[in-house]
PDB file of N, CA and C in Angstrom:
ATOM      1  N   MET A   1     238.323 -42.037  75.850  1.00  0.00           N
ATOM      2  CA  MET A   1     237.282 -42.103  75.334  1.00  0.00           C
ATOM      3  C   MET A   1     236.822 -40.529  75.428  1.00  0.00           C
ATOM      4  N   SER A   2     236.369 -39.946  74.260  1.00  0.00           N
ATOM      5  CA  SER A   2     236.407 -38.397  74.283  1.00  0.00           C
ATOM      6  C   SER A   2     234.892 -38.033  74.160  1.00  0.00           C
ATOM      7  N   GLU A   3     234.432 -37.327  74.975  1.00  0.00           N
ATOM      8  CA  GLU A   3     232.828 -36.650  74.955  1.00  0.00           C
ATOM      9  C   GLU A   3     232.467 -36.266  73.337  1.00  0.00           C
ATOM     10  N   PRO A   4     230.816 -36.818  73.727  1.00  0.00           N
ATOM     11  CA  PRO A   4     230.439 -35.991  72.609  1.00  0.00           C
ATOM     12  C   PRO A   4     230.669 -34.834  72.668  1.00  0.00           C
ATOM     13  N   SER A   5     230.551 -34.152  70.720  1.00  0.00           N
ATOM     14  CA  SER A   5     230.548 -32.854  70.834  1.00  0.00           C
ATOM     15  C   SER A   5     229.341 -31.896  71.394  1.00  0.00           C
ATOM     16  N   PRO A   6     229.485 -30.996  72.266  1.00  0.00           N
ATOM     17  CA  PRO A   6     228.226 -30.141  72.595  1.00  0.00           C
ATOM     18  C   PRO A   6     227.353 -29.796  71.195  1.00  0.00           C
ATOM     19  N   ALA A   7     225.960 -29.751  71.133  1.00  0.00           N
ATOM     20  CA  ALA A   7     225.117 -29.155  70.535  1.00  0.00           C
ATOM     21  C   ALA A   7     225.132 -27.593  70.316  1.00  0.00           C
ATOM     22  N   CYS A   8     225.518 -27.038  69.082  1.00  0.00           N
ATOM     23  CA  CYS A   8     225.168 -25.539  68.685  1.00  0.00           C
ATOM     24  C   CYS A   8     224.039 -25.079  69.597  1.00  0.00           C
ATOM     25  N   THR A   9     224.078 -23.643  70.444  1.00  0.00           N
ATOM     26  CA  THR A   9     223.070 -23.337  70.869  1.00  0.00           C
ATOM     27  C   THR A   9     221.922 -22.322  70.009  1.00  0.00           C
ATOM     28  N   GLU A  10     222.789 -22.475  68.726  1.00  0.00           N
ATOM     29  CA  GLU A  10     222.045 -21.419  67.561  1.00  0.00           C
ATOM     30  C   GLU A  10     220.999 -22.502  66.549  1.00  0.00           C
ATOM     31  N   CYS A  11     221.872 -23.432  65.904  1.00  0.00           N
ATOM     32  CA  CYS A  11     221.256 -24.412  65.007  1.00  0.00           C
ATOM     33  C   CYS A  11     221.058 -25.963  65.563  1.00  0.00           C
ATOM     34  N   GLY A  12     221.436 -26.024  66.391  1.00  0.00           N
ATOM     35  CA  GLY A  12     221.611 -27.851  67.458  1.00  0.00           C
ATOM     36  C   GLY A  12     222.595 -28.589  66.909  1.00  0.00           C
ATOM     37  N   GLN A  13     223.082 -28.130  65.759  1.00  0.00           N
ATOM     38  CA  GLN A  13     224.262 -29.143  65.241  1.00  0.00           C
ATOM     39  C   GLN A  13     225.351 -29.495  66.055  1.00  0.00           C
ATOM     40  N   PRO A  14     226.430 -30.119  66.278  1.00  0.00           N
ATOM     41  CA  PRO A  14     227.240 -30.462  67.005  1.00  0.00           C
ATOM     42  C   PRO A  14     228.608 -29.851  66.407  1.00  0.00           C
ATOM     43  N   VAL A  15     229.126 -29.141  68.204  1.00  0.00           N
ATOM     44  CA  VAL A  15     230.307 -28.438  67.514  1.00  0.00           C
ATOM     45  C   VAL A  15     231.518 -29.151  68.143  1.00  0.00           C
ATOM     46  N   PRO A  16     232.444 -29.167  67.022  1.00  0.00           N
ATOM     47  CA  PRO A  16     233.469 -29.451  67.860  1.00  0.00           C
ATOM     48  C   PRO A  16     234.520 -28.778  68.609  1.00  0.00           C
ATOM     49  N   VAL A  17     235.230 -29.154  70.220  1.00  0.00           N
ATOM     50  CA  VAL A  17     235.541 -28.560  70.970  1.00  0.00           C
ATOM     51  C   VAL A  17     237.116 -28.720  70.981  1.00  0.00           C
ATOM     52  N   PRO A  18     237.923 -28.210  70.941  1.00  0.00           N
ATOM     53  CA  PRO A  18     239.200 -28.970  71.408  1.00  0.00           C
ATOM     54  C   PRO A  18     239.234 -29.493  72.711  1.00  0.00           C
ATOM     55  N   SER A  19     240.159 -30.279  72.825  1.00  0.00           N
ATOM     56  CA  SER A  19     240.010 -31.305  74.379  1.00  0.00           C
ATOM     57  C   SER A  19     241.002 -30.320  75.414  1.00  0.00           C
ATOM     58  N   ASP A  20     241.455 -29.579  75.100  1.00  0.00           N
ATOM     59  CA  ASP A  20     242.084 -28.845  75.620  1.00  0.00           C
ATOM     60  C   ASP A  20     241.853 -27.167  75.883  1.00  0.00           C
ATOM     61  N   ALA A  21     240.355 -27.436  75.469  1.00  0.00           N
ATOM     62  CA  ALA A  21     239.573 -26.000  75.608  1.00  0.00           C
ATOM     63  C   ALA A  21     239.377 -25.761  76.946  1.00  0.00           C
ATOM     64  N   THR A  22     239.292 -24.075  77.455  1.00  0.00           N
ATOM     65  CA  THR A  22     239.317 -23.633  78.544  1.00  0.00           C
ATOM     66  C   THR A  22     238.173 -23.010  78.766  1.00  0.00           C
ATOM     67  N   PRO A  23     237.573 -22.248  79.718  1.00  0.00           N
ATOM     68  CA  PRO A  23     236.290 -21.253  79.884  1.00  0.00           C
ATOM     69  C   PRO A  23     236.705 -20.255  79.450  1.00  0.00           C
ATOM     70  N   GLY A  24     236.192 -20.018  78.419  1.00  0.00           N
ATOM     71  CA  GLY A  24     236.422 -18.226  78.061  1.00  0.00           C
ATOM     72  C   GLY A  24     236.691 -18.357  76.221  1.00  0.00           C
ATOM     73  N   GLU A  25     237.112 -19.710  76.228  1.00  0.00           N
ATOM     74  CA  GLU A  25     237.751 -19.990  75.062  1.00  0.00           C
ATOM     75  C   GLU A  25     236.360 -19.712  73.783  1.00  0.00           C
ATOM     76  N   LEU A  26     236.901 -19.727  72.445  1.00  0.00           N
ATOM     77  CA  LEU A  26     235.617 -19.313  71.570  1.00  0.00           C
ATOM     78  C   LEU A  26     235.839 -20.287  70.326  1.00  0.00           C
ATOM     79  N   VAL A  27     234.661 -20.967  69.989  1.00  0.00           N
ATOM     80  CA  VAL A  27     234.657 -21.710  68.795  1.00  0.00           C
ATOM     81  C   VAL A  27     233.407 -21.570  68.025  1.00  0.00           C
ATOM     82  N   ILE A  28     233.859 -21.670  66.752  1.00  0.00           N
ATOM     83  CA  ILE A  28     232.842 -21.436  65.550  1.00  0.00           C
ATOM     84  C   ILE A  28     232.041 -22.365  65.342  1.00  0.00           C
ATOM     85  N   CYS A  29     230.899 -22.753  65.269  1.00  0.00           N
ATOM     86  CA  CYS A  29     229.772 -23.903  64.891  1.00  0.00           C
ATOM     87  C   CYS A  29     230.024 -24.274  63.242  1.00  0.00           C
ATOM     88  N   ASP A  30     230.615 -25.131  62.879  1.00  0.00           N
ATOM     89  CA  ASP A  30     231.185 -25.253  61.253  1.00  0.00           C
ATOM     90  C   ASP A  30     229.721 -25.028  60.654  1.00  0.00           C
ATOM     91  N   HIS A  31     228.537 -25.071  60.969  1.00  0.00           N
ATOM     92  CA  HIS A  31     227.046 -25.626  60.539  1.00  0.00           C
ATOM     93  C   HIS A  31     226.393 -23.751  60.075  1.00  0.00           C
ATOM     94  N   CYS A  32     226.361 -23.333  60.980  1.00  0.00           N
ATOM     95  CA  CYS A  32     225.915 -21.997  60.785  1.00  0.00           C
ATOM     96  C   CYS A  32     226.485 -20.784  60.941  1.00  0.00           C
ATOM     97  N   GLY A  33     227.990 -21.156  61.448  1.00  0.00           N
ATOM     98  CA  GLY A  33     229.043 -20.294  61.877  1.00  0.00           C
ATOM     99  C   GLY A  33     228.738 -19.016  62.827  1.00  0.00           C
ATOM    100  N   VAL A  34     228.402 -19.405  63.497  1.00  0.00           N
ATOM    101  CA  VAL A  34     227.816 -18.555  65.098  1.00  0.00           C
ATOM    102  C   VAL A  34     229.196 -18.834  65.830  1.00  0.00           C
ATOM    103  N   GLU A  35     229.468 -17.583  66.258  1.00  0.00           N
ATOM    104  CA  GLU A  35     230.666 -17.650  67.739  1.00  0.00           C
ATOM    105  C   GLU A  35     229.925 -18.346  69.049  1.00  0.00           C
ATOM    106  N   LEU A  36     230.631 -19.088  69.337  1.00  0.00           N
ATOM    107  CA  LEU A  36     230.102 -19.931  70.881  1.00  0.00           C
ATOM    108  C   LEU A  36     231.389 -19.368  71.748  1.00  0.00           C
ATOM    109  N   GLU A  37     231.015 -19.317  73.015  1.00  0.00           N
ATOM    110  CA  GLU A  37     231.813 -19.357  74.478  1.00  0.00           C
ATOM    111  C   GLU A  37     231.644 -20.323  75.152  1.00  0.00           C
ATOM    112  N   VAL A  38     232.812 -21.060  75.610  1.00  0.00           N
ATOM    113  CA  VAL A  38     233.119 -22.285  76.145  1.00  0.00           C
ATOM    114  C   VAL A  38     232.527 -21.607  77.680  1.00  0.00           C
ATOM    115  N   VAL A  39     232.016 -22.261  78.132  1.00  0.00           N
ATOM    116  CA  VAL A  39     231.015 -21.528  79.753  1.00  0.00           C
ATOM    117  C   VAL A  39     231.809 -22.165  80.747  1.00  0.00           C
ATOM    118  N   SER A  40     232.000 -24.060  80.167  1.00  0.00           N
ATOM    119  CA  SER A  40     232.222 -24.558  81.438  1.00  0.00           C
ATOM    120  C   SER A  40     232.783 -26.063  80.981  1.00  0.00           C
ATOM    121  N   ILE A  41     233.517 -26.960  81.512  1.00  0.00           N
ATOM    122  CA  ILE A  41     234.389 -27.745  81.016  1.00  0.00           C
ATOM    123  C   ILE A  41     233.902 -29.093  81.491  1.00  0.00           C
ATOM    124  N   GLN A  42     233.007 -28.847  82.883  1.00  0.00           N
ATOM    125  CA  GLN A  42     232.494 -30.073  83.240  1.00  0.00           C
ATOM    126  C   GLN A  42     230.977 -29.765  83.783  1.00  0.00           C
ATOM    127  N   PRO A  43     229.838 -29.815  83.296  1.00  0.00           N
ATOM    128  CA  PRO A  43     229.898 -30.445  82.042  1.00  0.00           C
ATOM    129  C   PRO A  43     230.331 -29.446  80.830  1.00  0.00           C
ATOM    130  N   LEU A  44     230.671 -30.000  79.460  1.00  0.00           N
ATOM    131  CA  LEU A  44     231.234 -29.308  78.833  1.00  0.00           C
ATOM    132  C   LEU A  44     229.696 -28.165  78.179  1.00  0.00           C
ATOM    133  N   THR A  45     229.863 -26.929  78.267  1.00  0.00           N
ATOM    134  CA  THR A  45     228.784 -26.244  78.181  1.00  0.00           C
ATOM    135  C   THR A  45     229.380 -24.996  77.164  1.00  0.00           C
ATOM    136  N   LEU A  46     228.306 -24.680  76.145  1.00  0.00           N
ATOM    137  CA  LEU A  46     228.688 -23.467  75.279  1.00  0.00           C
ATOM    138  C   LEU A  46     227.342 -22.400  75.104  1.00  0.00           C
ATOM    139  N   ALA A  47     227.960 -21.105  74.986  1.00  0.00           N
ATOM    140  CA  ALA A  47     226.803 -20.314  75.012  1.00  0.00           C
ATOM    141  C   ALA A  47     226.837 -19.132  74.110  1.00  0.00           C
ATOM    142  N   ILE A  48     225.944 -18.533  73.041  1.00  0.00           N
ATOM    143  CA  ILE A  48     226.576 -17.812  72.165  1.00  0.00           C
ATOM    144  C   ILE A  48     227.314 -16.601  72.406  1.00  0.00           C
ATOM    145  N   PHE A  49     228.257 -16.540  72.452  1.00  0.00           N
ATOM    146  CA  PHE A  49     229.449 -15.443  72.414  1.00  0.00           C
ATOM    147  C   PHE A  49     228.840 -13.932  72.151  1.00  0.00           C
ATOM    148  N   GLU A  50     228.699 -13.037  72.974  1.00  0.00           N
ATOM    149  CA  GLU A  50     228.233 -11.242  72.991  1.00  0.00           C
ATOM    150  C   GLU A  50     229.270 -10.712  73.425  1.00  0.00           C
ATOM    151  N   GLU A  51     229.892  -9.891  72.378  1.00  0.00           N
ATOM    152  CA  GLU A  51     230.945  -9.424  72.833  1.00  0.00           C
ATOM    153  C   GLU A  51     230.267  -7.959  73.641  1.00  0.00           C
ATOM    154  N   GLU A  52     231.134  -8.114  74.629  1.00  0.00           N
ATOM    155  CA  GLU A  52     230.821  -6.693  75.750  1.00  0.00           C
ATOM    156  C   GLU A  52     230.698  -5.254  75.239  1.00  0.00           C
ATOM    157  N   GLU A  53     230.118  -4.402  75.406  1.00  0.00           N
ATOM    158  CA  GLU A  53     229.685  -3.345  74.506  1.00  0.00           C
ATOM    159  C   GLU A  53     230.813  -2.226  76.019  1.00  0.00           C
ATOM    160  N   LYS A  54     231.843  -1.890  75.310  1.00  0.00           N
ATOM    161  CA  LYS A  54     232.771  -0.829  76.083  1.00  0.00           C
ATOM    162  C   LYS A  54     232.340   0.725  76.451  1.00  0.00           C
TER     163      LYS A  54
END
């Protein structure tokens, strides 16, 4: 049984996350296009990806 897709932190729509995703991996919200980072796997948590300035 698969876990429900987590909600996008920007628009609230479900975001499909691969079952083999790892923390730090990026996924794109199909609804609003925002780039999200997998923060943790248990529980599956996403956060808006903010590129670090060098």
